[in-house]
PDB file of N, CA and C in Angstrom:
ATOM      1  N   MET A   1     -31.830 -22.421  -2.802  1.00  0.00           N
ATOM      2  CA  MET A   1     -31.452 -23.645  -3.485  1.00  0.00           C
ATOM      3  C   MET A   1     -30.048 -23.505  -4.084  1.00  0.00           C
ATOM      4  N   CYS A   2     -29.823 -22.409  -4.792  1.00  0.00           N
ATOM      5  CA  CYS A   2     -28.520 -22.209  -5.426  1.00  0.00           C
ATOM      6  C   CYS A   2     -27.414 -22.045  -4.387  1.00  0.00           C
ATOM      7  N   ILE A   3     -27.731 -21.400  -3.257  1.00  0.00           N
ATOM      8  CA  ILE A   3     -26.724 -21.199  -2.220  1.00  0.00           C
ATOM      9  C   ILE A   3     -26.313 -22.532  -1.612  1.00  0.00           C
ATOM     10  N   ASN A   4     -27.288 -23.434  -1.399  1.00  0.00           N
ATOM     11  CA  ASN A   4     -26.958 -24.751  -0.850  1.00  0.00           C
ATOM     12  C   ASN A   4     -26.066 -25.541  -1.797  1.00  0.00           C
ATOM     13  N   ILE A   5     -26.334 -25.441  -3.088  1.00  0.00           N
ATOM     14  CA  ILE A   5     -25.496 -26.131  -4.073  1.00  0.00           C
ATOM     15  C   ILE A   5     -24.095 -25.535  -4.070  1.00  0.00           C
ATOM     16  N   LEU A   6     -24.007 -24.201  -3.979  1.00  0.00           N
ATOM     17  CA  LEU A   6     -22.708 -23.536  -3.959  1.00  0.00           C
ATOM     18  C   LEU A   6     -21.910 -23.928  -2.724  1.00  0.00           C
ATOM     19  N   ILE A   7     -22.563 -23.933  -1.570  1.00  0.00           N
ATOM     20  CA  ILE A   7     -21.872 -24.322  -0.335  1.00  0.00           C
ATOM     21  C   ILE A   7     -21.441 -25.776  -0.410  1.00  0.00           C
ATOM     22  N   HIS A   8     -22.300 -26.629  -0.962  1.00  0.00           N
ATOM     23  CA  HIS A   8     -21.956 -28.048  -1.093  1.00  0.00           C
ATOM     24  C   HIS A   8     -20.759 -28.218  -2.033  1.00  0.00           C
ATOM     25  N   THR A   9     -20.737 -27.447  -3.107  1.00  0.00           N
ATOM     26  CA  THR A   9     -19.613 -27.521  -4.051  1.00  0.00           C
ATOM     27  C   THR A   9     -18.329 -27.027  -3.401  1.00  0.00           C
ATOM     28  N   ILE A  10     -18.416 -25.953  -2.638  1.00  0.00           N
ATOM     29  CA  ILE A  10     -17.221 -25.417  -1.983  1.00  0.00           C
ATOM     30  C   ILE A  10     -16.704 -26.387  -0.937  1.00  0.00           C
ATOM     31  N   THR A  11     -17.589 -26.994  -0.154  1.00  0.00           N
ATOM     32  CA  THR A  11     -17.130 -27.945   0.865  1.00  0.00           C
ATOM     33  C   THR A  11     -16.527 -29.179   0.225  1.00  0.00           C
ATOM     34  N   ASN A  12     -17.067 -29.627  -0.887  1.00  0.00           N
ATOM     35  CA  ASN A  12     -16.457 -30.760  -1.583  1.00  0.00           C
ATOM     36  C   ASN A  12     -15.087 -30.391  -2.128  1.00  0.00           C
ATOM     37  N   GLN A  13     -14.937 -29.165  -2.572  1.00  0.00           N
ATOM     38  CA  GLN A  13     -13.638 -28.714  -3.070  1.00  0.00           C
ATOM     39  C   GLN A  13     -12.611 -28.693  -1.942  1.00  0.00           C
ATOM     40  N   PHE A  14     -13.016 -28.224  -0.755  1.00  0.00           N
ATOM     41  CA  PHE A  14     -12.092 -28.213   0.366  1.00  0.00           C
ATOM     42  C   PHE A  14     -11.726 -29.618   0.804  1.00  0.00           C
ATOM     43  N   ILE A  15     -12.685 -30.530   0.759  1.00  0.00           N
ATOM     44  CA  ILE A  15     -12.385 -31.924   1.094  1.00  0.00           C
ATOM     45  C   ILE A  15     -11.411 -32.487   0.072  1.00  0.00           C
ATOM     46  N   PHE A  16     -11.625 -32.142  -1.206  1.00  0.00           N
ATOM     47  CA  PHE A  16     -10.712 -32.598  -2.249  1.00  0.00           C
ATOM     48  C   PHE A  16      -9.311 -32.052  -2.020  1.00  0.00           C
ATOM     49  N   LEU A  17      -9.215 -30.783  -1.625  1.00  0.00           N
ATOM     50  CA  LEU A  17      -7.901 -30.199  -1.404  1.00  0.00           C
ATOM     51  C   LEU A  17      -7.214 -30.812  -0.191  1.00  0.00           C
ATOM     52  N   SER A  18      -7.979 -31.121   0.860  1.00  0.00           N
ATOM     53  CA  SER A  18      -7.344 -31.680   2.039  1.00  0.00           C
ATOM     54  C   SER A  18      -6.942 -33.138   1.822  1.00  0.00           C
ATOM     55  N   ASP A  19      -7.702 -33.860   0.997  1.00  0.00           N
ATOM     56  CA  ASP A  19      -7.361 -35.251   0.730  1.00  0.00           C
ATOM     57  C   ASP A  19      -6.471 -35.406  -0.491  1.00  0.00           C
ATOM     58  N   GLY A  20      -6.272 -34.343  -1.216  1.00  0.00           N
ATOM     59  CA  GLY A  20      -5.594 -34.424  -2.497  1.00  0.00           C
ATOM     60  C   GLY A  20      -4.084 -34.374  -2.393  1.00  0.00           C
ATOM     61  N   ASP A  21      -3.516 -33.931  -3.466  1.00  0.00           N
ATOM     62  CA  ASP A  21      -2.074 -33.874  -3.605  1.00  0.00           C
ATOM     63  C   ASP A  21      -1.488 -32.850  -2.635  1.00  0.00           C
ATOM     64  N   GLU A  22      -0.339 -33.189  -2.068  1.00  0.00           N
ATOM     65  CA  GLU A  22       0.306 -32.278  -1.114  1.00  0.00           C
ATOM     66  C   GLU A  22       0.846 -31.038  -1.804  1.00  0.00           C
ATOM     67  N   ALA A  23       1.217 -31.159  -3.055  1.00  0.00           N
ATOM     68  CA  ALA A  23       1.733 -29.999  -3.793  1.00  0.00           C
ATOM     69  C   ALA A  23       0.643 -28.953  -3.999  1.00  0.00           C
ATOM     70  N   THR A  24      -0.602 -29.380  -4.102  1.00  0.00           N
ATOM     71  CA  THR A  24      -1.709 -28.440  -4.249  1.00  0.00           C
ATOM     72  C   THR A  24      -1.855 -27.580  -3.008  1.00  0.00           C
ATOM     73  N   CYS A  25      -1.699 -28.192  -1.845  1.00  0.00           N
ATOM     74  CA  CYS A  25      -1.787 -27.436  -0.599  1.00  0.00           C
ATOM     75  C   CYS A  25      -0.665 -26.412  -0.505  1.00  0.00           C
ATOM     76  N   TYR A  26       0.540 -26.796  -0.900  1.00  0.00           N
ATOM     77  CA  TYR A  26       1.653 -25.853  -0.898  1.00  0.00           C
ATOM     78  C   TYR A  26       1.409 -24.714  -1.881  1.00  0.00           C
ATOM     79  N   PHE A  27       0.848 -25.048  -3.039  1.00  0.00           N
ATOM     80  CA  PHE A  27       0.575 -24.031  -4.049  1.00  0.00           C
ATOM     81  C   PHE A  27      -0.370 -22.974  -3.504  1.00  0.00           C
ATOM     82  N   PHE A  28      -1.483 -23.385  -2.897  1.00  0.00           N
ATOM     83  CA  PHE A  28      -2.442 -22.417  -2.397  1.00  0.00           C
ATOM     84  C   PHE A  28      -1.916 -21.683  -1.169  1.00  0.00           C
ATOM     85  N   GLY A  29      -1.080 -22.312  -0.388  1.00  0.00           N
ATOM     86  CA  GLY A  29      -0.465 -21.632   0.747  1.00  0.00           C
ATOM     87  C   GLY A  29       0.449 -20.507   0.298  1.00  0.00           C
ATOM     88  N   TYR A  30       1.315 -20.819  -0.646  1.00  0.00           N
ATOM     89  CA  TYR A  30       2.228 -19.787  -1.139  1.00  0.00           C
ATOM     90  C   TYR A  30       1.503 -18.752  -1.998  1.00  0.00           C
ATOM     91  N   LEU A  31       0.388 -19.137  -2.612  1.00  0.00           N
ATOM     92  CA  LEU A  31      -0.421 -18.162  -3.344  1.00  0.00           C
ATOM     93  C   LEU A  31      -1.036 -17.154  -2.374  1.00  0.00           C
ATOM     94  N   GLY A  32      -1.459 -17.610  -1.214  1.00  0.00           N
ATOM     95  CA  GLY A  32      -1.976 -16.708  -0.196  1.00  0.00           C
ATOM     96  C   GLY A  32      -0.909 -15.761   0.323  1.00  0.00           C
ATOM     97  N   ILE A  33       0.296 -16.270   0.487  1.00  0.00           N
ATOM     98  CA  ILE A  33       1.406 -15.418   0.931  1.00  0.00           C
ATOM     99  C   ILE A  33       1.708 -14.351  -0.119  1.00  0.00           C
ATOM    100  N   ALA A  34       1.709 -14.746  -1.384  1.00  0.00           N
ATOM    101  CA  ALA A  34       1.968 -13.777  -2.453  1.00  0.00           C
ATOM    102  C   ALA A  34       0.859 -12.730  -2.512  1.00  0.00           C
ATOM    103  N   CYS A  35      -0.377 -13.157  -2.315  1.00  0.00           N
ATOM    104  CA  CYS A  35      -1.493 -12.197  -2.316  1.00  0.00           C
ATOM    105  C   CYS A  35      -1.379 -11.221  -1.154  1.00  0.00           C
ATOM    106  N   ALA A  36      -0.959 -11.720   0.012  1.00  0.00           N
ATOM    107  CA  ALA A  36      -0.795 -10.827   1.167  1.00  0.00           C
ATOM    108  C   ALA A  36       0.246  -9.761   0.875  1.00  0.00           C
ATOM    109  N   LEU A  37       1.356 -10.162   0.283  1.00  0.00           N
ATOM    110  CA  LEU A  37       2.403  -9.186  -0.037  1.00  0.00           C
ATOM    111  C   LEU A  37       1.970  -8.212  -1.123  1.00  0.00           C
ATOM    112  N   VAL A  38       1.408  -8.742  -2.191  1.00  0.00           N
ATOM    113  CA  VAL A  38       1.085  -7.898  -3.342  1.00  0.00           C
ATOM    114  C   VAL A  38      -0.022  -6.910  -3.004  1.00  0.00           C
ATOM    115  N   PHE A  39      -1.122  -7.395  -2.432  1.00  0.00           N
ATOM    116  CA  PHE A  39      -2.259  -6.501  -2.205  1.00  0.00           C
ATOM    117  C   PHE A  39      -1.990  -5.500  -1.090  1.00  0.00           C
ATOM    118  N   ALA A  40      -1.263  -5.904  -0.057  1.00  0.00           N
ATOM    119  CA  ALA A  40      -0.952  -4.954   1.007  1.00  0.00           C
ATOM    120  C   ALA A  40      -0.035  -3.851   0.492  1.00  0.00           C
ATOM    121  N   ASN A  41       0.937  -4.202  -0.315  1.00  0.00           N
ATOM    122  CA  ASN A  41       1.866  -3.184  -0.814  1.00  0.00           C
ATOM    123  C   ASN A  41       1.261  -2.350  -1.942  1.00  0.00           C
ATOM    124  N   LEU A  42       0.336  -2.929  -2.708  1.00  0.00           N
ATOM    125  CA  LEU A  42      -0.386  -2.103  -3.680  1.00  0.00           C
ATOM    126  C   LEU A  42      -1.271  -1.088  -2.964  1.00  0.00           C
ATOM    127  N   GLY A  43      -1.905  -1.515  -1.889  1.00  0.00           N
ATOM    128  CA  GLY A  43      -2.715  -0.584  -1.109  1.00  0.00           C
ATOM    129  C   GLY A  43      -1.878   0.500  -0.469  1.00  0.00           C
ATOM    130  N   ALA A  44      -0.691   0.120   0.009  1.00  0.00           N
ATOM    131  CA  ALA A  44       0.205   1.116   0.605  1.00  0.00           C
ATOM    132  C   ALA A  44       0.681   2.115  -0.445  1.00  0.00           C
ATOM    133  N   ALA A  45       0.989   1.637  -1.637  1.00  0.00           N
ATOM    134  CA  ALA A  45       1.434   2.539  -2.701  1.00  0.00           C
ATOM    135  C   ALA A  45       0.314   3.471  -3.138  1.00  0.00           C
ATOM    136  N   TYR A  46      -0.898   2.940  -3.235  1.00  0.00           N
ATOM    137  CA  TYR A  46      -2.040   3.773  -3.616  1.00  0.00           C
ATOM    138  C   TYR A  46      -2.333   4.815  -2.541  1.00  0.00           C
ATOM    139  N   GLY A  47      -2.275   4.398  -1.282  1.00  0.00           N
ATOM    140  CA  GLY A  47      -2.503   5.339  -0.189  1.00  0.00           C
ATOM    141  C   GLY A  47      -1.439   6.417  -0.124  1.00  0.00           C
ATOM    142  N   THR A  48      -0.214   6.055  -0.381  1.00  0.00           N
ATOM    143  CA  THR A  48       0.870   7.033  -0.394  1.00  0.00           C
ATOM    144  C   THR A  48       0.690   8.032  -1.532  1.00  0.00           C
ATOM    145  N   ALA A  49       0.288   7.540  -2.698  1.00  0.00           N
ATOM    146  CA  ALA A  49       0.089   8.433  -3.839  1.00  0.00           C
ATOM    147  C   ALA A  49      -1.056   9.406  -3.595  1.00  0.00           C
ATOM    148  N   LYS A  50      -2.163   8.902  -3.076  1.00  0.00           N
ATOM    149  CA  LYS A  50      -3.298   9.788  -2.806  1.00  0.00           C
ATOM    150  C   LYS A  50      -2.970  10.786  -1.702  1.00  0.00           C
ATOM    151  N   SER A  51      -2.217  10.357  -0.703  1.00  0.00           N
ATOM    152  CA  SER A  51      -1.833  11.265   0.381  1.00  0.00           C
ATOM    153  C   SER A  51      -0.859  12.329  -0.113  1.00  0.00           C
ATOM    154  N   ALA A  52       0.017  11.956  -1.033  1.00  0.00           N
ATOM    155  CA  ALA A  52       0.958  12.938  -1.580  1.00  0.00           C
ATOM    156  C   ALA A  52       0.225  14.029  -2.349  1.00  0.00           C
ATOM    157  N   VAL A  53      -0.820  13.655  -3.070  1.00  0.00           N
ATOM    158  CA  VAL A  53      -1.626  14.654  -3.767  1.00  0.00           C
ATOM    159  C   VAL A  53      -2.309  15.568  -2.756  1.00  0.00           C
ATOM    160  N   GLY A  54      -2.803  14.969  -1.670  1.00  0.00           N
ATOM    161  CA  GLY A  54      -3.448  15.769  -0.633  1.00  0.00           C
ATOM    162  C   GLY A  54      -2.490  16.715   0.057  1.00  0.00           C
ATOM    163  N   ILE A  55      -1.269  16.247   0.328  1.00  0.00           N
ATOM    164  CA  ILE A  55      -0.273  17.111   0.976  1.00  0.00           C
ATOM    165  C   ILE A  55       0.132  18.241   0.031  1.00  0.00           C
ATOM    166  N   SER A  56       0.207  17.943  -1.256  1.00  0.00           N
ATOM    167  CA  SER A  56       0.560  18.995  -2.216  1.00  0.00           C
ATOM    168  C   SER A  56      -0.500  20.099  -2.236  1.00  0.00           C
ATOM    169  N   SER A  57      -1.749  19.692  -2.225  1.00  0.00           N
ATOM    170  CA  SER A  57      -2.798  20.716  -2.218  1.00  0.00           C
ATOM    171  C   SER A  57      -2.886  21.415  -0.863  1.00  0.00           C
ATOM    172  N   LEU A  58      -2.577  20.700   0.211  1.00  0.00           N
ATOM    173  CA  LEU A  58      -2.575  21.305   1.540  1.00  0.00           C
ATOM    174  C   LEU A  58      -1.453  22.328   1.672  1.00  0.00           C
ATOM    175  N   ALA A  59      -0.319  22.068   1.030  1.00  0.00           N
ATOM    176  CA  ALA A  59       0.796  23.011   1.082  1.00  0.00           C
ATOM    177  C   ALA A  59       0.453  24.316   0.378  1.00  0.00           C
ATOM    178  N   VAL A  60      -0.368  24.230  -0.639  1.00  0.00           N
ATOM    179  CA  VAL A  60      -0.781  25.438  -1.342  1.00  0.00           C
ATOM    180  C   VAL A  60      -1.781  26.224  -0.497  1.00  0.00           C
ATOM    181  N   ILE A  61      -2.698  25.502   0.151  1.00  0.00           N
ATOM    182  CA  ILE A  61      -3.758  26.169   0.911  1.00  0.00           C
ATOM    183  C   ILE A  61      -3.235  26.704   2.238  1.00  0.00           C
ATOM    184  N   ASP A  62      -2.619  25.843   3.048  1.00  0.00           N
ATOM    185  CA  ASP A  62      -2.140  26.237   4.385  1.00  0.00           C
ATOM    186  C   ASP A  62      -0.856  25.479   4.683  1.00  0.00           C
ATOM    187  N   SER A  63       0.273  26.140   4.529  1.00  0.00           N
ATOM    188  CA  SER A  63       1.561  25.457   4.665  1.00  0.00           C
ATOM    189  C   SER A  63       1.919  25.110   6.108  1.00  0.00           C
ATOM    190  N   SER A  64       1.182  25.602   7.084  1.00  0.00           N
ATOM    191  CA  SER A  64       1.507  25.278   8.475  1.00  0.00           C
ATOM    192  C   SER A  64       0.989  23.901   8.894  1.00  0.00           C
ATOM    193  N   LYS A  65       0.156  23.276   8.077  1.00  0.00           N
ATOM    194  CA  LYS A  65      -0.417  21.971   8.426  1.00  0.00           C
ATOM    195  C   LYS A  65       0.202  20.808   7.661  1.00  0.00           C
ATOM    196  N   ILE A  66       1.378  21.007   7.088  1.00  0.00           N
ATOM    197  CA  ILE A  66       1.999  19.957   6.280  1.00  0.00           C
ATOM    198  C   ILE A  66       2.367  18.750   7.141  1.00  0.00           C
ATOM    199  N   PHE A  67       2.863  18.983   8.348  1.00  0.00           N
ATOM    200  CA  PHE A  67       3.265  17.858   9.201  1.00  0.00           C
ATOM    201  C   PHE A  67       2.068  17.042   9.651  1.00  0.00           C
ATOM    202  N   GLN A  68       0.896  17.656   9.787  1.00  0.00           N
ATOM    203  CA  GLN A  68      -0.308  16.893  10.104  1.00  0.00           C
ATOM    204  C   GLN A  68      -0.747  16.048   8.915  1.00  0.00           C
ATOM    205  N   GLY A  69      -0.403  16.487   7.730  1.00  0.00           N
ATOM    206  CA  GLY A  69      -0.735  15.733   6.529  1.00  0.00           C
ATOM    207  C   GLY A  69       0.152  14.533   6.292  1.00  0.00           C
ATOM    208  N   LEU A  70       1.242  14.414   7.047  1.00  0.00           N
ATOM    209  CA  LEU A  70       2.131  13.260   6.888  1.00  0.00           C
ATOM    210  C   LEU A  70       1.577  11.988   7.532  1.00  0.00           C
ATOM    211  N   ILE A  71       0.594  12.125   8.397  1.00  0.00           N
ATOM    212  CA  ILE A  71       0.052  10.961   9.108  1.00  0.00           C
ATOM    213  C   ILE A  71      -0.512   9.914   8.146  1.00  0.00           C
ATOM    214  N   PRO A  72      -1.282  10.263   7.103  1.00  0.00           N
ATOM    215  CA  PRO A  72      -1.752   9.221   6.183  1.00  0.00           C
ATOM    216  C   PRO A  72      -0.634   8.484   5.456  1.00  0.00           C
ATOM    217  N   ILE A  73       0.455   9.166   5.148  1.00  0.00           N
ATOM    218  CA  ILE A  73       1.576   8.499   4.486  1.00  0.00           C
ATOM    219  C   ILE A  73       2.230   7.496   5.432  1.00  0.00           C
ATOM    220  N   ILE A  74       2.361   7.872   6.688  1.00  0.00           N
ATOM    221  CA  ILE A  74       2.928   6.955   7.680  1.00  0.00           C
ATOM    222  C   ILE A  74       2.020   5.741   7.855  1.00  0.00           C
ATOM    223  N   MET A  75       0.712   5.964   7.893  1.00  0.00           N
ATOM    224  CA  MET A  75      -0.226   4.854   8.045  1.00  0.00           C
ATOM    225  C   MET A  75      -0.198   3.943   6.818  1.00  0.00           C
ATOM    226  N   ALA A  76      -0.012   4.499   5.632  1.00  0.00           N
ATOM    227  CA  ALA A  76       0.089   3.679   4.431  1.00  0.00           C
ATOM    228  C   ALA A  76       1.356   2.823   4.460  1.00  0.00           C
ATOM    229  N   GLY A  77       2.445   3.372   4.986  1.00  0.00           N
ATOM    230  CA  GLY A  77       3.664   2.572   5.147  1.00  0.00           C
ATOM    231  C   GLY A  77       3.475   1.450   6.144  1.00  0.00           C
ATOM    232  N   ILE A  78       2.708   1.705   7.197  1.00  0.00           N
ATOM    233  CA  ILE A  78       2.419   0.657   8.175  1.00  0.00           C
ATOM    234  C   ILE A  78       1.604  -0.456   7.537  1.00  0.00           C
ATOM    235  N   LEU A  79       0.718  -0.106   6.603  1.00  0.00           N
ATOM    236  CA  LEU A  79      -0.062  -1.120   5.892  1.00  0.00           C
ATOM    237  C   LEU A  79       0.854  -2.043   5.088  1.00  0.00           C
ATOM    238  N   GLY A  80       1.870  -1.499   4.439  1.00  0.00           N
ATOM    239  CA  GLY A  80       2.816  -2.332   3.705  1.00  0.00           C
ATOM    240  C   GLY A  80       3.610  -3.235   4.620  1.00  0.00           C
ATOM    241  N   ILE A  81       4.021  -2.723   5.767  1.00  0.00           N
ATOM    242  CA  ILE A  81       4.755  -3.535   6.741  1.00  0.00           C
ATOM    243  C   ILE A  81       3.863  -4.641   7.293  1.00  0.00           C
ATOM    244  N   TYR A  82       2.570  -4.329   7.478  1.00  0.00           N
ATOM    245  CA  TYR A  82       1.618  -5.323   7.952  1.00  0.00           C
ATOM    246  C   TYR A  82       1.520  -6.489   6.975  1.00  0.00           C
ATOM    247  N   GLY A  83       1.518  -6.227   5.688  1.00  0.00           N
ATOM    248  CA  GLY A  83       1.492  -7.298   4.695  1.00  0.00           C
ATOM    249  C   GLY A  83       2.723  -8.175   4.757  1.00  0.00           C
ATOM    250  N   VAL A  84       3.875  -7.576   4.994  1.00  0.00           N
ATOM    251  CA  VAL A  84       5.113  -8.358   5.126  1.00  0.00           C
ATOM    252  C   VAL A  84       5.051  -9.238   6.372  1.00  0.00           C
ATOM    253  N   ILE A  85       4.536  -8.697   7.477  1.00  0.00           N
ATOM    254  CA  ILE A  85       4.428  -9.470   8.717  1.00  0.00           C
ATOM    255  C   ILE A  85       3.492 -10.655   8.536  1.00  0.00           C
ATOM    256  N   ILE A  86       2.348 -10.441   7.897  1.00  0.00           N
ATOM    257  CA  ILE A  86       1.404 -11.532   7.654  1.00  0.00           C
ATOM    258  C   ILE A  86       2.031 -12.585   6.753  1.00  0.00           C
ATOM    259  N   ALA A  87       2.785 -12.183   5.749  1.00  0.00           N
ATOM    260  CA  ALA A  87       3.432 -13.145   4.859  1.00  0.00           C
ATOM    261  C   ALA A  87       4.470 -13.971   5.605  1.00  0.00           C
ATOM    262  N   VAL A  88       5.224 -13.349   6.504  1.00  0.00           N
ATOM    263  CA  VAL A  88       6.229 -14.092   7.277  1.00  0.00           C
ATOM    264  C   VAL A  88       5.559 -15.081   8.230  1.00  0.00           C
ATOM    265  N   ILE A  89       4.481 -14.651   8.877  1.00  0.00           N
ATOM    266  CA  ILE A  89       3.763 -15.561   9.791  1.00  0.00           C
ATOM    267  C   ILE A  89       3.159 -16.722   9.010  1.00  0.00           C
ATOM    268  N   ALA A  90       2.560 -16.432   7.864  1.00  0.00           N
ATOM    269  CA  ALA A  90       1.962 -17.503   7.050  1.00  0.00           C
ATOM    270  C   ALA A  90       3.032 -18.439   6.519  1.00  0.00           C
ATOM    271  N   ASN A  91       4.191 -17.910   6.165  1.00  0.00           N
ATOM    272  CA  ASN A  91       5.280 -18.752   5.663  1.00  0.00           C
ATOM    273  C   ASN A  91       5.805 -19.687   6.742  1.00  0.00           C
ATOM    274  N   SER A  92       5.811 -19.229   7.975  1.00  0.00           N
ATOM    275  CA  SER A  92       6.278 -20.098   9.061  1.00  0.00           C
ATOM    276  C   SER A  92       5.279 -21.181   9.418  1.00  0.00           C
ATOM    277  N   GLN A  93       4.007 -21.006   9.024  1.00  0.00           N
ATOM    278  CA  GLN A  93       2.984 -21.995   9.318  1.00  0.00           C
ATOM    279  C   GLN A  93       2.908 -23.110   8.286  1.00  0.00           C
ATOM    280  N   ILE A  94       3.497 -22.925   7.112  1.00  0.00           N
ATOM    281  CA  ILE A  94       3.479 -23.958   6.081  1.00  0.00           C
ATOM    282  C   ILE A  94       4.493 -25.027   6.444  1.00  0.00           C
ATOM    283  N   LYS A  95       4.013 -26.260   6.507  1.00  0.00           N
ATOM    284  CA  LYS A  95       4.883 -27.385   6.918  1.00  0.00           C
ATOM    285  C   LYS A  95       5.197 -28.277   5.740  1.00  0.00           C
TER     286      LYS A  95
END
């Protein structure tokens, strides 16, 4: 019962947004772009920090495997670039 009411409320909200003010649509579009940039780059920064701690401990344990430990840092950088790409694609779709 509660789920049906929630779905009905959400669908009415979407109908309101599509029929409503055009500035509201722009606001939520650019809010999504900002979220894509912020959360992707926060995740990349967190992944880089955790990987740096891991590489530091790996250097103490076995210094010959340091280059293998760089892979998570590279992947975290790719995550940040992915957020920028999604933001650019979303920005080009806003009319």
